[in-house]
Amino acid sequence: MQVTETLAEGLKRELKVVVPAADMASQLNEKLAEAKSKMQIKGFRPGKVPISHLKKVYGKSMMAQLVNEMIQEKPTSILSERGEKAATQPEISMTEDEKEADQILNGAADFEFTIAYEVIPAFDVADMSSIKVVREVVDVPAEEVEEQVLRVAENSRTYEPKTGKAADGDKVTIDYLGKLDGEPFEGGADQDAELVIGSNRFIPGFEEQLVGLKEGDEKVIKVTFPEDYQAAHLAGKEVTFDITVKAIAAPGELEINDELAKTLGLDSADKLREVVQSQIESQYGQITRQKLKRQILDQLDEAHKFESPSKLVDAEFESIWRQINQELTDNNKTFEDEDTTEEAAREEYRTLAERRVRLGLVLSKIGEEAGIQVSDEELQRSLFEQVRKFPGQEKEIYEYFQKTPGAVASLRAPIFEEKTVDHMLTIIDVTDKPVSKEELMADDEAEASDKPEPKKKKAPVKKKAAKKDDAAAE
């Protein structure tokens, strides 16, 4: 077999592989010899069929199998011998001329094919001990714990049927139909909706107009959606709602005690506070880690400047671009609404795609050099978490991961990355800095811009949720 490099430009490589007809014939004879003992052909005793007869009957089909095996196996061994790793699956091409192909299958011509691929760039990992990061830490105040416990208790509050007018704090059961310019709009209707007046679950001005209504009352109310509302066609618009009050219930006493805790499956009120504090600390811990990781990634990005494989960048860009366009479609917006142009947005997200790919390669090399592995148990836990997101579709999700190439790799990659970050935290210089909740939660435009994340659509009647701070870009 002869391998000739025909292209070496940047990271792109192309190889021409020639397997002489004599070698192909030799390997075919070996296959025929292996198959001889298993063949049963009329007129011949088992194992006594002449090779020449087998070749006449099965030679062409077995040569096709041999060609397919070479295409499947040879690229991996050739790249290994060259000391190269392909960034993506190599592209294999061979003759499409029927006469030439027939000659190869008949053993009358050399088998030639080409391998086109991009190599993973060679680079050295920068000295990680030079990386310095600040870990922001929040000491959760007792007041915040108590506020959250009250919210938990509020969700468990009991309500008793009430006659008379609805007041602030009462739970009302209503039917409503929203109209824009006299016509119903999508997501603006519901039946038997339960709402606690004063909970601020609905858009401003909605709940206040329910005060004073009685069971059986019907009323048309007017409200105006916020200017920054996520559904662009409703943002800043005045609408009406046809309201029918179905029932009114008054709140029961709100007490933080052991009885309340037991209704939640806990032993005592103290245990409830302990669980709530742990949850708050976990939430802040996630934000702390996101911001810490962002600092690490920024410094790794600054320390590693090399060309990234274009096919990986293209794939990452297309993924981001689909996400951005889906977000615009969901919110009925254009690039101009976001104070940019499609051309400028493409350039911005292309740069982001290049950064992600480059950092992915850096983290991959750091993890490999550290001997980091992802266990089957970790993959199973990750798969279980994915399945939990789709109740009722568990079987379909499991089948998807079993049958879809690369699906399991999509679970492995983030686990590997987080374990690599954990490894780096044992080497780099980390300084803890006590901060307030407000300082920790402060918006960071650099972080926000590094991970385009579509907003989730919600029923237009509900208030727009606060933007989640998400710094984990890679």
Protein backbone atom coordinates (compact mmCIF):
# COMPACT_ATOMS: atom_id res chain seq x y z
CA MET A 1 0.00 0.00 0.00
CA GLN A 2 1.33 3.41 -0.99
CA VAL A 3 0.24 6.60 0.80
CA THR A 4 1.02 9.96 -0.82
CA GLU A 5 0.23 13.34 0.71
CA THR A 6 -1.38 15.47 -1.99
CA LEU A 7 -2.48 18.45 0.14
CA ALA A 8 -1.06 20.09 3.27
CA GLU A 9 -2.44 23.60 3.67
CA GLY A 10 -2.89 24.85 7.21
CA LEU A 11 -4.82 22.12 9.00
CA LYS A 12 -6.16 20.57 5.79
CA ARG A 13 -4.72 17.28 4.59
CA GLU A 14 -5.44 15.04 1.64
CA LEU A 15 -3.88 11.64 1.09
CA LYS A 16 -3.91 9.38 -1.96
CA VAL A 17 -3.88 5.71 -1.06
CA VAL A 18 -3.03 3.04 -3.64
CA VAL A 19 -3.41 -0.65 -2.89
CA PRO A 20 -1.82 -2.68 -5.73
CA ALA A 21 -4.04 -5.19 -7.48
CA ALA A 22 -1.63 -7.94 -6.42
CA ASP A 23 -2.13 -7.06 -2.75
CA MET A 24 -5.88 -6.98 -3.21
CA ALA A 25 -5.75 -10.41 -4.87
CA SER A 26 -3.61 -11.79 -2.04
CA GLN A 27 -6.01 -10.54 0.63
CA LEU A 28 -8.96 -11.88 -1.38
CA ASN A 29 -7.34 -15.32 -1.51
CA GLU A 30 -6.90 -15.22 2.26
CA LYS A 31 -10.59 -14.44 2.69
CA LEU A 32 -11.57 -17.21 0.30
CA ALA A 33 -9.35 -19.66 2.15
CA GLU A 34 -10.98 -18.71 5.46
CA ALA A 35 -14.43 -19.11 3.92
CA LYS A 36 -13.61 -22.43 2.18
CA SER A 37 -14.33 -24.61 5.20
CA LYS A 38 -17.70 -22.96 5.74
CA MET A 39 -18.93 -23.05 2.16
CA GLN A 40 -21.39 -25.72 1.03
CA ILE A 41 -21.68 -25.87 -2.74
CA LYS A 42 -23.59 -28.55 -4.60
CA GLY A 43 -21.24 -31.09 -6.18
CA PHE A 44 -18.44 -30.53 -3.66
CA ARG A 45 -17.78 -32.05 -0.28
CA PRO A 46 -17.61 -29.56 2.66
CA GLY A 47 -14.20 -27.88 2.72
CA LYS A 48 -13.18 -29.31 -0.66
CA VAL A 49 -14.37 -26.50 -2.91
CA PRO A 50 -11.42 -25.27 -5.06
CA ILE A 51 -10.34 -21.68 -4.45
CA SER A 52 -10.63 -21.00 -8.18
CA HIS A 53 -14.29 -22.02 -8.13
CA LEU A 54 -15.00 -19.94 -5.02
CA LYS A 55 -13.38 -16.97 -6.69
CA LYS A 56 -15.52 -17.46 -9.79
CA VAL A 57 -18.72 -17.62 -7.73
CA TYR A 58 -18.02 -15.24 -4.84
CA GLY A 59 -14.88 -13.34 -5.83
CA LYS A 60 -16.54 -10.12 -6.92
CA SER A 61 -18.83 -9.82 -3.88
CA MET A 62 -16.01 -10.69 -1.49
CA MET A 63 -13.76 -8.14 -3.18
CA ALA A 64 -16.49 -5.54 -2.58
CA GLN A 65 -16.47 -6.50 1.11
CA LEU A 66 -12.70 -6.15 1.15
CA VAL A 67 -12.89 -2.69 -0.43
CA ASN A 68 -15.47 -1.63 2.16
CA GLU A 69 -13.33 -2.93 5.03
CA MET A 70 -10.34 -0.99 3.76
CA ILE A 71 -12.32 2.22 3.52
CA GLN A 72 -13.58 1.70 7.07
CA GLU A 73 -10.29 0.63 8.70
CA LYS A 74 -7.33 2.01 6.75
CA PRO A 75 -7.87 5.77 7.39
CA THR A 76 -7.60 5.24 11.17
CA SER A 77 -4.39 3.24 10.93
CA ILE A 78 -2.87 5.60 8.33
CA LEU A 79 -3.51 8.69 10.47
CA SER A 80 -2.14 6.86 13.52
CA GLU A 81 1.06 6.04 11.65
CA ARG A 82 1.35 9.71 10.65
CA GLY A 83 0.87 10.79 14.27
CA GLU A 84 -2.23 12.81 13.38
CA LYS A 85 -5.74 13.10 14.81
CA ALA A 86 -8.60 14.11 12.54
CA ALA A 87 -10.84 16.89 13.83
CA THR A 88 -13.89 15.25 12.22
CA GLN A 89 -14.65 12.03 10.39
CA PRO A 90 -12.35 11.93 7.32
CA GLU A 91 -14.01 12.15 3.93
CA ILE A 92 -13.28 9.13 1.74
CA SER A 93 -13.67 9.23 -2.02
CA MET A 94 -12.99 6.67 -4.72
CA THR A 95 -13.71 6.28 -8.40
CA GLU A 96 -17.33 6.63 -9.50
CA ASP A 97 -16.59 5.28 -12.99
CA GLU A 98 -18.41 1.94 -13.35
CA LYS A 99 -15.78 0.41 -15.64
CA GLU A 100 -12.91 1.33 -13.31
CA ALA A 101 -14.85 0.06 -10.31
CA ASP A 102 -15.61 -3.19 -12.10
CA GLN A 103 -11.91 -3.68 -12.87
CA ILE A 104 -11.05 -3.23 -9.18
CA LEU A 105 -13.70 -5.75 -8.13
CA ASN A 106 -12.42 -8.20 -10.74
CA GLY A 107 -8.86 -7.77 -9.41
CA ALA A 108 -7.64 -6.24 -12.68
CA ALA A 109 -6.73 -2.77 -11.34
CA ASP A 110 -5.15 -1.13 -8.32
CA PHE A 111 -7.57 0.11 -5.67
CA GLU A 112 -7.18 3.86 -5.19
CA PHE A 113 -8.98 6.18 -2.79
CA THR A 114 -8.39 9.55 -1.17
CA ILE A 115 -8.69 10.65 2.45
CA ALA A 116 -9.50 14.33 3.10
CA TYR A 117 -9.51 15.69 6.64
CA GLU A 118 -8.43 18.42 9.01
CA VAL A 119 -5.94 17.69 11.76
CA ILE A 120 -6.23 18.67 15.37
CA PRO A 121 -3.67 21.48 15.66
CA ALA A 122 -0.51 20.85 17.64
CA PHE A 123 -0.12 23.19 20.61
CA ASP A 124 1.36 23.24 24.08
CA VAL A 125 -0.83 23.87 27.10
CA ALA A 126 0.14 27.09 28.86
CA ASP A 127 1.45 27.01 32.42
CA MET A 128 -1.74 26.75 34.47
CA SER A 129 -0.06 27.85 37.67
CA SER A 130 0.05 31.37 36.20
CA ILE A 131 -3.76 31.54 36.08
CA LYS A 132 -5.20 33.65 38.89
CA VAL A 133 -8.94 33.76 39.60
CA VAL A 134 -11.23 35.20 42.25
CA ARG A 135 -13.97 33.02 43.69
CA GLU A 136 -16.88 35.13 44.90
CA VAL A 137 -18.51 33.63 47.99
CA VAL A 138 -21.82 34.67 49.55
CA ASP A 139 -22.53 34.06 53.23
CA VAL A 140 -26.28 33.41 53.19
CA PRO A 141 -27.91 35.66 55.81
CA ALA A 142 -30.50 34.20 58.18
CA GLU A 143 -33.03 36.77 56.94
CA GLU A 144 -32.89 35.37 53.42
CA VAL A 145 -33.35 31.84 54.69
CA GLU A 146 -36.40 32.95 56.66
CA GLU A 147 -37.83 34.74 53.61
CA GLN A 148 -37.50 31.60 51.55
CA VAL A 149 -39.02 29.46 54.30
CA LEU A 150 -41.99 31.83 54.30
CA ARG A 151 -42.35 31.37 50.54
CA VAL A 152 -42.31 27.61 51.01
CA ALA A 153 -44.94 27.95 53.72
CA GLU A 154 -46.97 30.24 51.48
CA ASN A 155 -47.06 27.56 48.79
CA SER A 156 -48.40 25.14 51.40
CA ARG A 157 -50.96 27.56 52.81
CA THR A 158 -54.51 26.27 52.95
CA TYR A 159 -57.50 28.25 51.68
CA GLU A 160 -61.12 28.09 52.80
CA PRO A 161 -64.14 28.94 50.60
CA LYS A 162 -65.31 32.50 51.16
CA THR A 163 -68.49 34.41 50.47
CA GLY A 164 -68.37 38.10 49.73
CA LYS A 165 -65.84 40.24 47.92
CA ALA A 166 -62.32 39.19 46.96
CA ALA A 167 -59.55 40.92 48.90
CA ASP A 168 -55.79 41.11 48.66
CA GLY A 169 -54.35 37.72 49.62
CA ASP A 170 -57.45 35.77 48.61
CA LYS A 171 -57.26 32.96 46.07
CA VAL A 172 -59.64 33.42 43.15
CA THR A 173 -60.60 30.87 40.54
CA ILE A 174 -61.32 32.58 37.23
CA ASP A 175 -61.89 32.10 33.52
CA TYR A 176 -60.27 34.77 31.36
CA LEU A 177 -60.04 35.66 27.68
CA GLY A 178 -57.51 38.24 26.51
CA LYS A 179 -58.16 40.40 23.46
CA LEU A 180 -55.89 42.69 21.43
CA ASP A 181 -57.82 45.20 19.32
CA GLY A 182 -60.95 43.20 20.08
CA GLU A 183 -59.50 39.88 18.85
CA PRO A 184 -58.33 36.97 21.11
CA PHE A 185 -54.56 36.48 21.12
CA GLU A 186 -52.53 33.30 21.54
CA GLY A 187 -51.81 32.33 25.14
CA GLY A 188 -54.24 34.88 26.55
CA ALA A 189 -57.00 32.52 27.69
CA ASP A 190 -57.51 30.01 30.47
CA GLN A 191 -60.27 28.33 32.43
CA ASP A 192 -60.42 27.59 36.16
CA ALA A 193 -57.15 29.44 36.65
CA GLU A 194 -56.19 29.87 40.30
CA LEU A 195 -54.54 33.13 41.30
CA VAL A 196 -53.62 34.59 44.68
CA ILE A 197 -54.28 38.32 44.54
CA GLY A 198 -51.06 40.15 45.35
CA SER A 199 -48.75 37.32 44.25
CA ASN A 200 -47.66 39.38 41.23
CA ARG A 201 -47.81 36.34 39.00
CA PHE A 202 -49.65 38.18 36.25
CA ILE A 203 -48.72 41.36 34.43
CA PRO A 204 -48.96 44.66 36.37
CA GLY A 205 -52.49 45.95 36.85
CA PHE A 206 -54.22 42.60 36.36
CA GLU A 207 -54.55 41.29 39.91
CA GLU A 208 -55.50 44.63 41.47
CA GLN A 209 -58.66 44.80 39.34
CA LEU A 210 -59.94 41.54 40.83
CA VAL A 211 -60.26 43.07 44.29
CA GLY A 212 -63.91 43.61 45.21
CA LEU A 213 -65.33 41.04 42.79
CA LYS A 214 -67.67 38.31 44.04
CA GLU A 215 -68.32 34.74 42.92
CA GLY A 216 -70.26 34.82 39.68
CA ASP A 217 -69.18 38.35 38.76
CA GLU A 218 -68.10 39.13 35.20
CA LYS A 219 -65.86 42.04 34.35
CA VAL A 220 -63.77 43.42 31.49
CA ILE A 221 -60.43 44.80 32.65
CA LYS A 222 -57.75 46.74 30.79
CA VAL A 223 -54.01 46.24 31.24
CA THR A 224 -50.87 47.23 29.34
CA PHE A 225 -48.06 44.82 28.70
CA PRO A 226 -44.55 45.98 29.74
CA GLU A 227 -42.46 47.61 27.01
CA ASP A 228 -39.82 44.88 27.38
CA TYR A 229 -42.30 41.99 27.32
CA GLN A 230 -40.84 38.87 25.68
CA ALA A 231 -43.62 38.54 23.09
CA ALA A 232 -42.83 41.47 20.79
CA HIS A 233 -46.36 41.71 19.31
CA LEU A 234 -47.73 42.32 22.83
CA ALA A 235 -44.96 44.49 24.26
CA GLY A 236 -46.31 47.90 25.29
CA LYS A 237 -49.81 47.06 23.96
CA GLU A 238 -53.07 47.77 25.80
CA VAL A 239 -55.34 44.72 25.94
CA THR A 240 -58.60 43.71 27.59
CA PHE A 241 -59.51 40.57 29.52
CA ASP A 242 -63.01 39.17 29.91
CA ILE A 243 -63.06 37.86 33.49
CA THR A 244 -65.52 35.45 35.11
CA VAL A 245 -65.07 34.74 38.82
CA LYS A 246 -65.76 31.07 39.58
CA ALA A 247 -64.78 30.90 43.28
CA ILE A 248 -63.09 32.85 46.09
CA ALA A 249 -61.12 31.38 49.00
CA ALA A 250 -59.60 33.10 52.02
CA PRO A 251 -56.08 32.21 53.24
CA GLY A 252 -55.62 30.16 56.40
CA GLU A 253 -53.10 30.96 59.12
CA LEU A 254 -49.46 30.89 58.09
CA GLU A 255 -47.27 29.24 60.70
CA ILE A 256 -43.70 27.97 60.50
CA ASN A 257 -43.75 24.96 62.78
CA ASP A 258 -42.95 21.25 62.93
CA GLU A 259 -46.40 20.36 61.59
CA LEU A 260 -45.75 22.36 58.43
CA ALA A 261 -42.34 20.71 58.02
CA LYS A 262 -43.91 17.26 58.34
CA THR A 263 -46.37 18.02 55.54
CA LEU A 264 -43.28 18.58 53.40
CA GLY A 265 -41.70 15.29 54.46
CA LEU A 266 -39.27 16.81 56.97
CA ASP A 267 -38.89 16.16 60.70
CA SER A 268 -39.03 19.70 62.03
CA ALA A 269 -39.04 23.41 61.27
CA ASP A 270 -35.31 23.50 62.00
CA LYS A 271 -34.73 20.80 59.39
CA LEU A 272 -36.83 22.82 56.94
CA ARG A 273 -34.62 25.86 57.49
CA GLU A 274 -31.53 23.69 57.08
CA VAL A 275 -32.78 22.32 53.75
CA VAL A 276 -33.74 25.78 52.51
CA GLN A 277 -30.33 27.20 53.44
CA SER A 278 -28.62 24.34 51.62
CA GLN A 279 -30.70 25.03 48.50
CA ILE A 280 -29.86 28.75 48.57
CA GLU A 281 -26.17 27.99 49.04
CA SER A 282 -26.33 25.57 46.11
CA GLN A 283 -27.95 28.21 43.88
CA TYR A 284 -25.30 30.78 44.76
CA GLY A 285 -22.63 28.11 44.38
CA GLN A 286 -23.69 27.48 40.80
CA ILE A 287 -23.39 31.17 39.98
CA THR A 288 -20.03 31.34 41.75
CA ARG A 289 -18.76 28.41 39.68
CA GLN A 290 -20.07 29.91 36.44
CA LYS A 291 -18.22 33.16 37.08
CA LEU A 292 -15.12 31.31 38.21
CA LYS A 293 -15.17 29.16 35.10
CA ARG A 294 -15.59 32.26 32.95
CA GLN A 295 -12.38 33.71 34.40
CA ILE A 296 -10.54 30.46 33.70
CA LEU A 297 -11.82 30.26 30.14
CA ASP A 298 -10.97 33.89 29.44
CA GLN A 299 -7.38 33.36 30.57
CA LEU A 300 -7.07 30.10 28.65
CA ASP A 301 -8.38 31.90 25.59
CA GLU A 302 -5.81 34.65 26.00
CA ALA A 303 -2.98 32.13 26.45
CA HIS A 304 -3.82 29.91 23.47
CA LYS A 305 -3.96 31.37 19.98
CA PHE A 306 -3.99 28.82 17.18
CA GLU A 307 -6.03 28.00 14.11
CA SER A 308 -9.13 25.93 14.78
CA PRO A 309 -10.37 23.23 12.38
CA SER A 310 -12.83 24.95 10.05
CA LYS A 311 -15.32 22.07 10.00
CA LEU A 312 -15.62 22.12 13.80
CA VAL A 313 -16.05 25.90 13.72
CA ASP A 314 -18.65 25.62 10.95
CA ALA A 315 -20.64 23.05 12.94
CA GLU A 316 -20.49 25.13 16.13
CA PHE A 317 -21.49 28.29 14.27
CA GLU A 318 -24.46 26.58 12.61
CA SER A 319 -25.64 25.37 16.01
CA ILE A 320 -25.42 28.88 17.46
CA TRP A 321 -27.00 30.45 14.38
CA ARG A 322 -29.99 28.11 14.48
CA GLN A 323 -30.46 28.98 18.14
CA ILE A 324 -30.31 32.72 17.49
CA ASN A 325 -32.73 32.59 14.57
CA GLN A 326 -35.14 30.41 16.52
CA GLU A 327 -35.07 32.95 19.35
CA LEU A 328 -35.83 35.78 16.93
CA THR A 329 -38.68 33.79 15.39
CA ASP A 330 -40.16 32.88 18.78
CA ASN A 331 -40.11 36.51 19.84
CA ASN A 332 -41.20 37.91 16.45
CA LYS A 333 -38.08 40.06 16.21
CA THR A 334 -35.42 40.91 13.64
CA PHE A 335 -31.72 41.67 13.88
CA GLU A 336 -32.61 45.34 13.51
CA ASP A 337 -34.79 45.07 16.65
CA GLU A 338 -31.63 43.94 18.46
CA ASP A 339 -29.69 46.98 17.18
CA THR A 340 -27.52 44.96 14.82
CA THR A 341 -27.49 43.51 11.30
CA GLU A 342 -27.42 39.92 10.10
CA GLU A 343 -23.91 40.45 8.73
CA ALA A 344 -22.62 41.87 12.02
CA ALA A 345 -24.35 39.12 14.00
CA ARG A 346 -22.80 36.45 11.78
CA GLU A 347 -19.35 37.89 12.36
CA GLU A 348 -19.92 38.10 16.12
CA TYR A 349 -21.17 34.54 16.47
CA ARG A 350 -18.51 33.19 14.12
CA THR A 351 -15.93 34.62 16.51
CA LEU A 352 -17.77 32.99 19.41
CA ALA A 353 -17.80 29.65 17.58
CA GLU A 354 -14.04 29.86 16.99
CA ARG A 355 -13.47 30.61 20.68
CA ARG A 356 -15.62 27.69 21.79
CA VAL A 357 -13.86 25.22 19.50
CA ARG A 358 -10.40 26.45 20.50
CA LEU A 359 -11.20 26.29 24.21
CA GLY A 360 -12.78 22.88 23.74
CA LEU A 361 -9.52 21.60 22.26
CA VAL A 362 -7.49 23.16 25.08
CA LEU A 363 -9.70 21.68 27.81
CA SER A 364 -9.67 18.33 26.03
CA LYS A 365 -5.86 18.26 25.99
CA ILE A 366 -5.64 19.35 29.64
CA GLY A 367 -8.07 16.60 30.62
CA GLU A 368 -6.31 13.95 28.57
CA GLU A 369 -2.91 14.85 30.01
CA ALA A 370 -4.43 14.66 33.51
CA GLY A 371 -5.86 11.22 32.76
CA ILE A 372 -9.44 12.33 33.36
CA GLN A 373 -12.06 9.70 32.56
CA VAL A 374 -15.87 9.72 32.48
CA SER A 375 -17.29 6.61 34.12
CA ASP A 376 -20.27 4.61 32.91
CA GLU A 377 -22.01 5.49 36.18
CA GLU A 378 -21.57 9.21 35.46
CA LEU A 379 -22.97 8.76 31.96
CA GLN A 380 -25.95 6.84 33.33
CA ARG A 381 -26.70 9.63 35.82
CA SER A 382 -26.49 12.21 33.04
CA LEU A 383 -28.77 10.13 30.81
CA PHE A 384 -31.25 9.78 33.67
CA GLU A 385 -31.29 13.56 34.10
CA GLN A 386 -32.03 13.97 30.40
CA VAL A 387 -34.86 11.44 30.57
CA ARG A 388 -36.40 13.21 33.57
CA LYS A 389 -36.87 16.31 31.43
CA PHE A 390 -39.35 14.46 29.21
CA PRO A 391 -41.93 12.73 31.41
CA GLY A 392 -43.98 10.23 29.48
CA GLN A 393 -41.35 9.96 26.73
CA GLU A 394 -38.76 7.94 28.64
CA LYS A 395 -38.68 5.06 26.13
CA GLU A 396 -38.23 7.38 23.15
CA ILE A 397 -35.39 9.27 24.84
CA TYR A 398 -33.55 6.06 25.73
CA GLU A 399 -33.94 4.82 22.16
CA TYR A 400 -32.66 8.13 20.82
CA PHE A 401 -29.42 7.83 22.80
CA GLN A 402 -29.04 4.20 21.79
CA LYS A 403 -29.53 4.78 18.07
CA THR A 404 -28.17 8.28 17.46
CA PRO A 405 -24.44 8.49 16.68
CA GLY A 406 -22.76 11.09 18.86
CA ALA A 407 -25.66 11.36 21.33
CA VAL A 408 -23.72 9.68 24.14
CA ALA A 409 -20.73 11.87 23.31
CA SER A 410 -22.95 14.90 23.91
CA LEU A 411 -23.46 13.61 27.46
CA ARG A 412 -19.81 12.75 27.99
CA ALA A 413 -18.39 16.11 26.83
CA PRO A 414 -19.85 18.39 29.55
CA ILE A 415 -18.99 15.88 32.29
CA PHE A 416 -15.41 15.64 31.02
CA GLU A 417 -15.20 19.44 30.85
CA GLU A 418 -16.44 19.98 34.40
CA LYS A 419 -14.04 17.35 35.74
CA THR A 420 -11.23 19.07 33.85
CA VAL A 421 -12.17 22.40 35.46
CA ASP A 422 -12.17 20.69 38.87
CA HIS A 423 -8.67 19.43 38.11
CA MET A 424 -7.52 22.91 37.12
CA LEU A 425 -8.85 24.37 40.37
CA THR A 426 -6.33 22.22 42.23
CA ILE A 427 -3.49 23.86 40.29
CA ILE A 428 -4.40 27.47 39.56
CA ASP A 429 -4.27 30.35 42.05
CA VAL A 430 -7.75 30.78 43.56
CA THR A 431 -8.55 33.62 45.95
CA ASP A 432 -11.85 33.61 47.84
CA LYS A 433 -13.65 36.94 48.08
CA PRO A 434 -16.71 37.44 50.30
CA VAL A 435 -19.39 39.36 48.39
CA SER A 436 -23.02 40.32 48.84
CA LYS A 437 -25.80 38.61 46.97
CA GLU A 438 -26.22 41.75 44.84
CA GLU A 439 -22.54 41.72 43.86
CA LEU A 440 -22.67 38.04 42.95
CA MET A 441 -25.82 38.47 40.90
CA ALA A 442 -24.62 41.63 39.15
CA ASP A 443 -25.05 41.46 35.38
CA ASP A 444 -21.95 40.71 33.39
CA GLU A 445 -22.36 41.59 29.72
CA ALA A 446 -19.26 39.65 28.77
CA GLU A 447 -20.71 36.51 30.27
CA ALA A 448 -24.15 37.03 28.82
CA SER A 449 -22.81 37.64 25.33
CA ASP A 450 -20.76 34.45 25.33
CA LYS A 451 -23.74 32.15 25.48
CA PRO A 452 -26.72 33.01 23.33
CA GLU A 453 -29.69 31.50 25.11
CA PRO A 454 -33.24 31.78 23.75
CA LYS A 455 -35.86 32.95 26.18
CA LYS A 456 -38.52 30.41 27.01
CA LYS A 457 -41.99 31.26 25.79
CA LYS A 458 -44.54 31.81 28.55
CA ALA A 459 -48.23 32.53 28.61
CA PRO A 460 -48.56 36.23 27.69
CA VAL A 461 -50.66 36.91 30.78
CA LYS A 462 -47.79 36.05 33.09
CA LYS A 463 -45.06 38.51 34.02
CA LYS A 464 -41.75 38.31 32.19
CA ALA A 465 -39.29 36.25 34.21
CA ALA A 466 -36.03 37.78 35.35
CA LYS A 467 -33.11 36.93 33.08
CA LYS A 468 -31.07 34.02 34.34
CA ASP A 469 -27.37 34.69 34.78
CA ASP A 470 -25.67 31.93 32.83
CA ALA A 471 -21.92 32.11 32.38
CA ALA A 472 -21.16 28.55 31.33
CA ALA A 473 -20.53 29.22 27.68
CA GLU A 474 -18.43 26.33 26.56
